[in-house]
């Protein structure tokens, strides 16, 4: 695995945690550094860091606040 890629993973706690939990990625990243993009996508999906997840969470929060305000009326 390239040193730059290793440093990037160690500096990002969620990436490092995902790499420790799914150690098979070490083998894939050693063989082909281009699989880094797949690794990041899987990590984002697991930790709900995709843009769609963030939008969905914001909508859920707005619905919750709206329901609380409606019940207070």
Protein backbone atom coordinates (compact mmCIF):
# COMPACT_ATOMS: atom_id res chain seq x y z
CA UNK A 1 0.00 0.00 0.00
CA UNK A 2 1.32 3.46 -0.83
CA UNK A 3 2.63 5.54 2.06
CA UNK A 4 0.42 8.49 1.16
CA UNK A 5 -2.64 6.25 1.26
CA UNK A 6 -1.61 4.78 4.61
CA UNK A 7 -1.14 8.23 6.12
CA UNK A 8 -4.53 9.37 4.81
CA UNK A 9 -6.22 6.36 6.42
CA UNK A 10 -4.46 6.67 9.76
CA UNK A 11 -5.23 10.40 9.96
CA UNK A 12 -8.96 9.77 9.45
CA UNK A 13 -10.32 7.91 12.51
CA UNK A 14 -13.40 6.45 10.80
CA UNK A 15 -11.35 5.15 7.89
CA UNK A 16 -8.83 3.61 10.24
CA UNK A 17 -11.59 2.00 12.31
CA UNK A 18 -13.25 0.62 9.18
CA UNK A 19 -9.90 -0.75 8.01
CA UNK A 20 -9.34 -2.48 11.36
CA UNK A 21 -12.84 -3.97 11.35
CA UNK A 22 -12.57 -5.12 7.73
CA UNK A 23 -8.95 -6.15 7.42
CA UNK A 24 -9.51 -7.84 4.06
CA UNK A 25 -9.31 -4.32 2.56
CA UNK A 26 -5.58 -4.27 3.37
CA UNK A 27 -5.06 -7.06 0.85
CA UNK A 28 -7.14 -5.32 -1.82
CA UNK A 29 -5.43 -1.97 -1.29
CA UNK A 30 -1.98 -3.57 -1.39
CA UNK A 31 -2.77 -5.19 -4.72
CA UNK A 32 -4.53 -2.24 -6.33
CA UNK A 33 -4.50 1.30 -4.95
CA UNK A 34 -7.39 2.17 -7.27
CA UNK A 35 -9.74 0.20 -5.03
CA UNK A 36 -9.39 3.02 -2.48
CA UNK A 37 -12.46 4.69 -3.98
CA UNK A 38 -14.53 1.54 -3.32
CA UNK A 39 -13.18 1.42 0.23
CA UNK A 40 -14.22 5.03 0.86
CA UNK A 41 -17.69 4.45 -0.60
CA UNK A 42 -18.23 1.41 1.60
CA UNK A 43 -17.01 3.32 4.66
CA UNK A 44 -19.32 6.25 3.93
CA UNK A 45 -22.26 3.91 3.48
CA UNK A 46 -21.51 2.13 6.75
CA UNK A 47 -21.11 5.32 8.79
CA UNK A 48 -23.97 7.16 7.03
CA UNK A 49 -21.74 9.91 5.66
CA UNK A 50 -23.13 10.04 2.14
CA UNK A 51 -24.88 13.21 1.03
CA UNK A 52 -28.20 11.39 0.77
CA UNK A 53 -27.85 10.16 4.35
CA UNK A 54 -27.17 13.68 5.60
CA UNK A 55 -30.19 15.07 3.74
CA UNK A 56 -32.38 12.28 5.06
CA UNK A 57 -31.22 12.96 8.63
CA UNK A 58 -31.93 16.68 8.23
CA UNK A 59 -35.44 15.96 6.93
CA UNK A 60 -36.08 13.59 9.83
CA UNK A 61 -34.96 16.27 12.29
CA UNK A 62 -37.23 18.86 10.66
CA UNK A 63 -40.17 16.45 10.84
CA UNK A 64 -39.46 15.82 14.51
CA UNK A 65 -39.34 19.54 15.31
CA UNK A 66 -42.50 20.13 13.28
CA UNK A 67 -44.34 17.37 15.12
CA UNK A 68 -43.24 18.70 18.51
CA UNK A 69 -44.40 22.21 17.59
CA UNK A 70 -47.74 20.86 16.33
CA UNK A 71 -48.30 18.97 19.59
CA UNK A 72 -47.58 22.10 21.63
CA UNK A 73 -50.34 24.05 19.88
